[in-house]
Amino acid sequence: MVSYLVRRLLVGLLTLWLITCLIYALIRLMPGSPLDTDPAMMDPSKMPSKADIQRMQEVYGLDKPLHEAYWHWVKNAVRLDLGTSYSQKKPVAELIGDRIGPTLQLSVTSLLLSYLLAVPMGLYATVRSGQPDERGLSFLLYTLYSFPSFVAALFLQLLFAVKLEGTWFGLPLLGNHSNGYEELTELDRIWDSFKHMILPVACFTYGSLAYYCRFVKANMEEVIRQDYIRTARAKGLGPIRVLIHHAFRNTLIPFVTLLGLTLPSLLGGAIILEGIFNWPGMGRLFFMSILQRDYPTIMSLTLMFSILTLLGQLLADILYAFVDPRIKYT
């Protein structure tokens, strides 16, 4: 196992270097630069001189060749110095830290709800396969899966934030807390945050719920046709014990794979939904940094998401050995 982990870590470091090298080259070569969005360079009352442009290029590091600028970023990243945001003039680590909380509020809640609902629904659909109630459930899930989340967000906002405003069922339209949030008591803050989360979490959850439920059902239907399941039934074991202890236990390998691959999405956010709900998450930060050519923020987020993706794949592989004792790593 140790030699396997060492190999995976070395391959991961090489992959990480290739990803960051490619992304850095792309953002430096794409049209536009941080100077195009800097307020000091956009003042219509005066035209910047060549000396001003040269000075600003030195400030942003645009005067260095591509390879030197990339190597400078790598050395800072190794020292955990992510630099300062060009657009917001704040440390990138501070910007990311401010967005992690709101992003995890939605992603973790959505993920937990998806798994807690999808597993029993998938097992129920397996037991009732071919029955009218199962077909109705499958039809509902397919409908939810095919319905765009941003369209659902607009409908939910119109219903709960506009039509039902002022009623017991009214919900906030935008943001992650109300005005005067700091003046509320601790209990009122929790309630205020909960109300603001309901609509975004619903939009984040329903599509993944439909997918996970179908995923569980598809794997269960493959397992229950195996010989050892028929043997367990022939020995007189109850249907619940056969379903949970024997069948579902052996569907955990693809389930673990799915769980590992969801790790990057916990901090990835969703650009469109965060924009619709004006939610201060990672998705909006990434999108705005691209628009503003904020190179340090783009590279820091790319580095973070790449590490999470590689760690998620490694975690899924390691969990294989715990789920299935037949799998050995050397």
Protein backbone atom coordinates (compact mmCIF):
# COMPACT_ATOMS: atom_id res chain seq x y z
CA MET A 1 0.00 0.00 0.00
CA VAL A 2 2.84 2.43 0.85
CA SER A 3 4.57 1.96 -2.50
CA TYR A 4 1.23 2.39 -4.26
CA LEU A 5 0.57 5.67 -2.43
CA VAL A 6 4.05 6.94 -3.27
CA ARG A 7 3.52 6.18 -6.96
CA ARG A 8 0.12 7.85 -6.94
CA LEU A 9 1.48 10.94 -5.22
CA LEU A 10 4.31 11.26 -7.74
CA VAL A 11 1.88 10.87 -10.64
CA GLY A 12 -0.43 13.37 -8.95
CA LEU A 13 2.35 15.95 -8.62
CA LEU A 14 3.25 15.54 -12.29
CA THR A 15 -0.41 15.88 -13.28
CA LEU A 16 -0.76 18.96 -11.07
CA TRP A 17 2.28 20.57 -12.68
CA LEU A 18 0.95 19.91 -16.19
CA ILE A 19 -2.50 21.31 -15.32
CA THR A 20 -1.18 24.51 -13.76
CA CYS A 21 1.36 24.99 -16.55
CA LEU A 22 -1.32 24.67 -19.22
CA ILE A 23 -3.85 26.91 -17.44
CA TYR A 24 -1.24 29.60 -16.76
CA ALA A 25 -0.24 29.63 -20.42
CA LEU A 26 -3.88 29.83 -21.53
CA ILE A 27 -4.84 32.74 -19.27
CA ARG A 28 -1.72 34.69 -20.20
CA LEU A 29 -2.31 34.16 -23.92
CA MET A 30 -6.06 34.86 -23.99
CA PRO A 31 -7.14 38.33 -25.21
CA GLY A 32 -7.12 41.12 -22.65
CA SER A 33 -5.05 41.71 -19.52
CA PRO A 34 -5.54 42.98 -15.95
CA LEU A 35 -4.76 46.47 -17.22
CA ASP A 36 -8.05 46.48 -19.16
CA THR A 37 -10.06 46.31 -15.92
CA ASP A 38 -7.86 48.39 -13.62
CA PRO A 39 -9.69 51.61 -12.59
CA ALA A 40 -6.44 53.58 -12.72
CA MET A 41 -6.03 52.71 -16.39
CA MET A 42 -9.69 53.35 -17.26
CA ASP A 43 -9.93 56.94 -16.04
CA PRO A 44 -11.50 58.85 -18.98
CA SER A 45 -10.12 62.17 -17.72
CA LYS A 46 -6.56 61.29 -18.72
CA MET A 47 -4.78 58.96 -21.07
CA PRO A 48 -2.13 56.77 -19.45
CA SER A 49 1.38 57.48 -20.59
CA LYS A 50 3.87 54.85 -21.65
CA ALA A 51 5.56 55.22 -18.27
CA ASP A 52 2.22 54.54 -16.52
CA ILE A 53 1.60 51.46 -18.63
CA GLN A 54 5.13 50.19 -17.99
CA ARG A 55 4.75 50.77 -14.26
CA MET A 56 1.42 48.92 -14.14
CA GLN A 57 2.85 46.02 -16.16
CA GLU A 58 5.63 45.70 -13.57
CA VAL A 59 3.05 45.76 -10.75
CA TYR A 60 1.08 42.91 -12.36
CA GLY A 61 4.19 41.01 -13.43
CA LEU A 62 3.28 41.32 -17.11
CA ASP A 63 6.77 42.55 -17.97
CA LYS A 64 8.24 39.09 -17.34
CA PRO A 65 8.37 36.35 -20.00
CA LEU A 66 5.76 33.61 -19.64
CA HIS A 67 8.09 30.98 -18.23
CA GLU A 68 9.61 33.35 -15.68
CA ALA A 69 6.22 34.54 -14.51
CA TYR A 70 5.01 30.94 -14.15
CA TRP A 71 8.11 29.90 -12.21
CA HIS A 72 7.63 32.90 -9.91
CA TRP A 73 4.03 31.79 -9.25
CA VAL A 74 5.12 28.20 -8.57
CA LYS A 75 7.72 29.30 -6.01
CA ASN A 76 5.13 31.42 -4.19
CA ALA A 77 2.53 28.63 -4.30
CA VAL A 78 4.99 26.16 -2.76
CA ARG A 79 5.41 28.65 0.11
CA LEU A 80 1.59 28.83 0.35
CA ASP A 81 1.67 32.43 -0.87
CA LEU A 82 -1.25 32.71 -3.28
CA GLY A 83 -0.63 36.38 -4.01
CA THR A 84 -2.97 39.36 -4.06
CA SER A 85 -6.09 39.68 -6.17
CA TYR A 86 -5.62 42.16 -9.01
CA SER A 87 -9.27 43.21 -9.04
CA GLN A 88 -10.14 43.30 -5.32
CA LYS A 89 -6.70 44.20 -3.94
CA LYS A 90 -7.00 41.59 -1.20
CA PRO A 91 -4.99 38.44 -0.49
CA VAL A 92 -6.35 35.57 -2.59
CA ALA A 93 -6.30 33.26 0.44
CA GLU A 94 -8.61 35.69 2.23
CA LEU A 95 -10.98 35.85 -0.75
CA ILE A 96 -11.17 32.07 -0.95
CA GLY A 97 -11.63 31.80 2.81
CA ASP A 98 -14.59 34.19 2.66
CA ARG A 99 -16.26 32.05 -0.04
CA ILE A 100 -15.66 28.57 1.43
CA GLY A 101 -18.32 28.89 4.14
CA PRO A 102 -21.25 29.88 1.87
CA THR A 103 -20.18 27.30 -0.74
CA LEU A 104 -20.06 24.47 1.81
CA GLN A 105 -23.44 25.56 3.16
CA LEU A 106 -25.02 24.63 -0.14
CA SER A 107 -22.82 21.79 -1.35
CA VAL A 108 -22.59 19.75 1.86
CA THR A 109 -26.29 20.15 2.63
CA SER A 110 -27.21 19.21 -0.92
CA LEU A 111 -24.89 16.20 -0.95
CA LEU A 112 -26.19 14.86 2.37
CA LEU A 113 -29.80 15.28 1.30
CA SER A 114 -29.09 13.60 -2.05
CA TYR A 115 -27.51 10.52 -0.49
CA LEU A 116 -29.95 10.24 2.42
CA LEU A 117 -32.90 10.31 0.01
CA ALA A 118 -31.40 8.54 -3.00
CA VAL A 119 -30.33 5.33 -1.25
CA PRO A 120 -33.74 4.38 0.24
CA MET A 121 -35.52 5.54 -2.92
CA GLY A 122 -33.16 3.45 -5.07
CA LEU A 123 -33.67 0.40 -2.85
CA TYR A 124 -37.42 0.88 -2.93
CA ALA A 125 -37.39 1.20 -6.72
CA THR A 126 -35.38 -2.05 -6.91
CA VAL A 127 -37.85 -3.96 -4.74
CA ARG A 128 -40.86 -2.57 -6.61
CA SER A 129 -39.32 -2.83 -10.06
CA GLY A 130 -41.98 -2.95 -12.78
CA GLN A 131 -44.83 -1.96 -10.46
CA PRO A 132 -46.97 1.14 -11.12
CA ASP A 133 -45.56 3.04 -8.12
CA GLU A 134 -42.00 2.35 -9.25
CA ARG A 135 -42.78 3.47 -12.78
CA GLY A 136 -44.32 6.65 -11.41
CA LEU A 137 -41.26 7.29 -9.28
CA SER A 138 -38.95 6.66 -12.24
CA PHE A 139 -40.98 9.03 -14.42
CA LEU A 140 -40.75 11.73 -11.74
CA LEU A 141 -37.00 11.24 -11.38
CA TYR A 142 -36.39 11.38 -15.13
CA THR A 143 -38.46 14.55 -15.31
CA LEU A 144 -36.47 16.18 -12.50
CA TYR A 145 -33.16 15.10 -14.00
CA SER A 146 -34.02 16.62 -17.39
CA PHE A 147 -35.38 19.88 -15.95
CA PRO A 148 -32.70 22.62 -15.96
CA SER A 149 -31.85 23.80 -12.46
CA PHE A 150 -31.62 27.46 -13.48
CA VAL A 151 -35.17 27.33 -14.87
CA ALA A 152 -36.37 25.72 -11.65
CA ALA A 153 -34.58 28.47 -9.70
CA LEU A 154 -36.48 31.19 -11.54
CA PHE A 155 -39.83 29.43 -11.03
CA LEU A 156 -39.14 28.90 -7.32
CA GLN A 157 -38.13 32.53 -6.89
CA LEU A 158 -41.30 33.68 -8.63
CA LEU A 159 -43.47 31.42 -6.46
CA PHE A 160 -41.94 31.68 -3.00
CA ALA A 161 -40.25 35.09 -3.10
CA VAL A 162 -42.82 37.02 -5.16
CA LYS A 163 -46.23 35.32 -5.14
CA LEU A 164 -46.01 34.15 -1.51
CA GLU A 165 -44.16 37.18 -0.16
CA GLY A 166 -45.48 38.22 3.23
CA THR A 167 -47.06 34.83 3.93
CA TRP A 168 -45.86 31.96 6.13
CA PHE A 169 -44.42 30.31 3.00
CA GLY A 170 -42.55 33.35 1.70
CA LEU A 171 -38.80 32.91 1.27
CA PRO A 172 -35.94 35.36 0.59
CA LEU A 173 -35.15 36.13 -3.04
CA LEU A 174 -31.39 36.74 -3.01
CA GLY A 175 -28.27 36.48 -0.90
CA ASN A 176 -27.25 34.31 2.01
CA HIS A 177 -28.56 36.57 4.79
CA SER A 178 -30.84 39.55 5.28
CA ASN A 179 -30.01 43.19 5.95
CA GLY A 180 -29.20 43.75 9.59
CA TYR A 181 -27.98 40.19 9.96
CA GLU A 182 -25.22 41.21 12.39
CA GLU A 183 -27.76 42.74 14.77
CA LEU A 184 -29.82 39.54 15.08
CA THR A 185 -29.58 37.09 17.94
CA GLU A 186 -27.75 33.79 17.38
CA LEU A 187 -31.01 31.86 17.00
CA ASP A 188 -32.43 34.42 14.57
CA ARG A 189 -29.22 34.27 12.51
CA ILE A 190 -29.54 30.50 12.17
CA TRP A 191 -33.17 30.84 11.11
CA ASP A 192 -32.34 33.62 8.65
CA SER A 193 -29.54 31.56 7.06
CA PHE A 194 -31.80 28.52 6.89
CA LYS A 195 -34.51 30.43 5.02
CA HIS A 196 -31.99 31.80 2.53
CA MET A 197 -30.64 28.29 1.91
CA ILE A 198 -33.94 26.57 1.12
CA LEU A 199 -34.35 27.59 -2.52
CA PRO A 200 -30.67 27.23 -3.57
CA VAL A 201 -30.36 23.86 -1.83
CA ALA A 202 -33.54 22.63 -3.52
CA CYS A 203 -32.13 23.57 -6.93
CA PHE A 204 -28.75 22.01 -6.14
CA THR A 205 -30.32 18.80 -4.85
CA TYR A 206 -33.12 17.63 -7.10
CA GLY A 207 -31.01 16.89 -10.18
CA SER A 208 -28.35 14.95 -8.28
CA LEU A 209 -31.05 13.15 -6.28
CA ALA A 210 -32.57 11.82 -9.48
CA TYR A 211 -29.16 10.74 -10.79
CA TYR A 212 -28.04 9.02 -7.57
CA CYS A 213 -31.35 7.20 -7.20
CA ARG A 214 -31.13 5.82 -10.72
CA PHE A 215 -27.47 4.96 -10.08
CA VAL A 216 -28.37 2.91 -6.98
CA LYS A 217 -31.23 1.15 -8.76
CA ALA A 218 -29.15 0.27 -11.84
CA ASN A 219 -26.35 -1.24 -9.74
CA MET A 220 -28.78 -3.09 -7.47
CA GLU A 221 -30.60 -4.67 -10.40
CA GLU A 222 -27.30 -5.98 -11.71
CA VAL A 223 -26.31 -7.43 -8.33
CA ILE A 224 -29.62 -9.15 -7.47
CA ARG A 225 -29.29 -11.29 -10.58
CA GLN A 226 -26.06 -12.85 -9.30
CA ASP A 227 -25.91 -16.50 -8.16
CA TYR A 228 -25.02 -15.71 -4.53
CA ILE A 229 -28.22 -13.67 -4.16
CA ARG A 230 -30.31 -16.61 -5.35
CA THR A 231 -28.37 -18.85 -2.95
CA ALA A 232 -29.10 -16.50 -0.04
CA ARG A 233 -32.80 -16.53 -0.90
CA ALA A 234 -32.76 -20.32 -1.19
CA LYS A 235 -31.33 -20.56 2.34
CA GLY A 236 -34.44 -18.83 3.61
CA LEU A 237 -32.99 -15.40 4.41
CA GLY A 238 -35.54 -12.60 4.58
CA PRO A 239 -35.89 -10.19 1.65
CA ILE A 240 -34.70 -7.19 3.71
CA ARG A 241 -31.56 -9.00 4.88
CA VAL A 242 -30.80 -10.19 1.34
CA LEU A 243 -31.35 -6.70 -0.06
CA ILE A 244 -29.34 -4.74 2.51
CA HIS A 245 -26.70 -7.14 3.82
CA HIS A 246 -25.86 -9.02 0.63
CA ALA A 247 -26.99 -7.00 -2.40
CA PHE A 248 -26.47 -3.38 -1.38
CA ARG A 249 -23.15 -4.13 0.29
CA ASN A 250 -21.77 -5.31 -3.03
CA THR A 251 -22.89 -2.17 -4.88
CA LEU A 252 -20.64 0.01 -2.71
CA ILE A 253 -17.64 -0.08 -5.07
CA PRO A 254 -19.25 2.06 -7.82
CA PHE A 255 -20.91 4.08 -5.05
CA VAL A 256 -17.50 4.79 -3.49
CA THR A 257 -16.22 5.89 -6.90
CA LEU A 258 -19.08 8.33 -7.19
CA LEU A 259 -18.47 9.61 -3.66
CA GLY A 260 -14.78 10.24 -4.37
CA LEU A 261 -15.53 12.13 -7.57
CA THR A 262 -17.97 14.44 -5.75
CA LEU A 263 -15.17 15.81 -3.55
CA PRO A 264 -14.19 18.64 -5.97
CA SER A 265 -17.84 19.67 -6.34
CA LEU A 266 -18.04 20.45 -2.61
CA LEU A 267 -16.00 23.60 -3.21
CA GLY A 268 -16.64 24.04 -6.92
CA GLY A 269 -19.91 25.90 -6.57
CA ALA A 270 -22.28 26.54 -9.46
CA ILE A 271 -21.82 29.69 -11.52
CA ILE A 272 -25.36 30.03 -12.87
CA LEU A 273 -27.25 29.18 -9.67
CA GLU A 274 -24.96 31.36 -7.55
CA GLY A 275 -25.56 34.20 -9.98
CA ILE A 276 -29.36 33.77 -9.90
CA PHE A 277 -29.49 33.69 -6.11
CA ASN A 278 -26.64 36.22 -5.66
CA TRP A 279 -24.90 33.66 -3.49
CA PRO A 280 -21.27 34.53 -2.57
CA GLY A 281 -19.76 31.17 -3.50
CA MET A 282 -16.73 29.81 -5.31
CA GLY A 283 -18.47 29.62 -8.67
CA ARG A 284 -19.07 33.37 -8.85
CA LEU A 285 -15.56 34.10 -7.62
CA PHE A 286 -14.07 31.93 -10.37
CA PHE A 287 -16.30 33.46 -13.05
CA MET A 288 -15.58 37.06 -12.02
CA SER A 289 -11.83 36.39 -11.80
CA ILE A 290 -11.87 35.18 -15.41
CA LEU A 291 -13.80 38.24 -16.58
CA GLN A 292 -11.41 40.56 -14.75
CA ARG A 293 -8.26 38.68 -15.85
CA ASP A 294 -7.38 38.20 -12.18
CA TYR A 295 -4.48 35.80 -12.74
CA PRO A 296 -3.59 35.03 -9.08
CA THR A 297 -7.21 34.18 -8.22
CA ILE A 298 -7.68 32.04 -11.33
CA MET A 299 -4.49 30.08 -10.66
CA SER A 300 -5.25 29.62 -6.96
CA LEU A 301 -8.73 28.28 -7.66
CA THR A 302 -7.39 26.04 -10.44
CA LEU A 303 -4.76 24.68 -8.07
CA MET A 304 -7.33 24.03 -5.35
CA PHE A 305 -9.83 22.29 -7.64
CA SER A 306 -7.07 20.20 -9.25
CA ILE A 307 -5.80 19.03 -5.85
CA LEU A 308 -9.33 18.16 -4.75
CA THR A 309 -9.93 16.19 -7.94
CA LEU A 310 -6.72 14.19 -7.56
CA LEU A 311 -7.39 13.60 -3.85
CA GLY A 312 -10.93 12.47 -4.63
CA GLN A 313 -9.70 9.88 -7.10
CA LEU A 314 -7.03 8.69 -4.66
CA LEU A 315 -9.58 8.49 -1.84
CA ALA A 316 -11.92 6.43 -4.01
CA ASP A 317 -9.11 3.98 -4.86
CA ILE A 318 -8.10 3.62 -1.20
CA LEU A 319 -11.69 3.03 -0.10
CA TYR A 320 -11.93 0.19 -2.64
CA ALA A 321 -9.65 -1.89 -0.42
CA PHE A 322 -11.93 -1.37 2.57
CA VAL A 323 -15.14 -2.07 0.64
CA ASP A 324 -13.84 -5.10 -1.25
CA PRO A 325 -11.14 -7.18 0.54
CA ARG A 326 -10.28 -8.85 -2.77
CA ILE A 327 -8.62 -5.63 -3.96
CA LYS A 328 -4.98 -5.34 -2.95
CA TYR A 329 -2.55 -2.54 -3.74
CA THR A 330 1.16 -3.22 -4.06
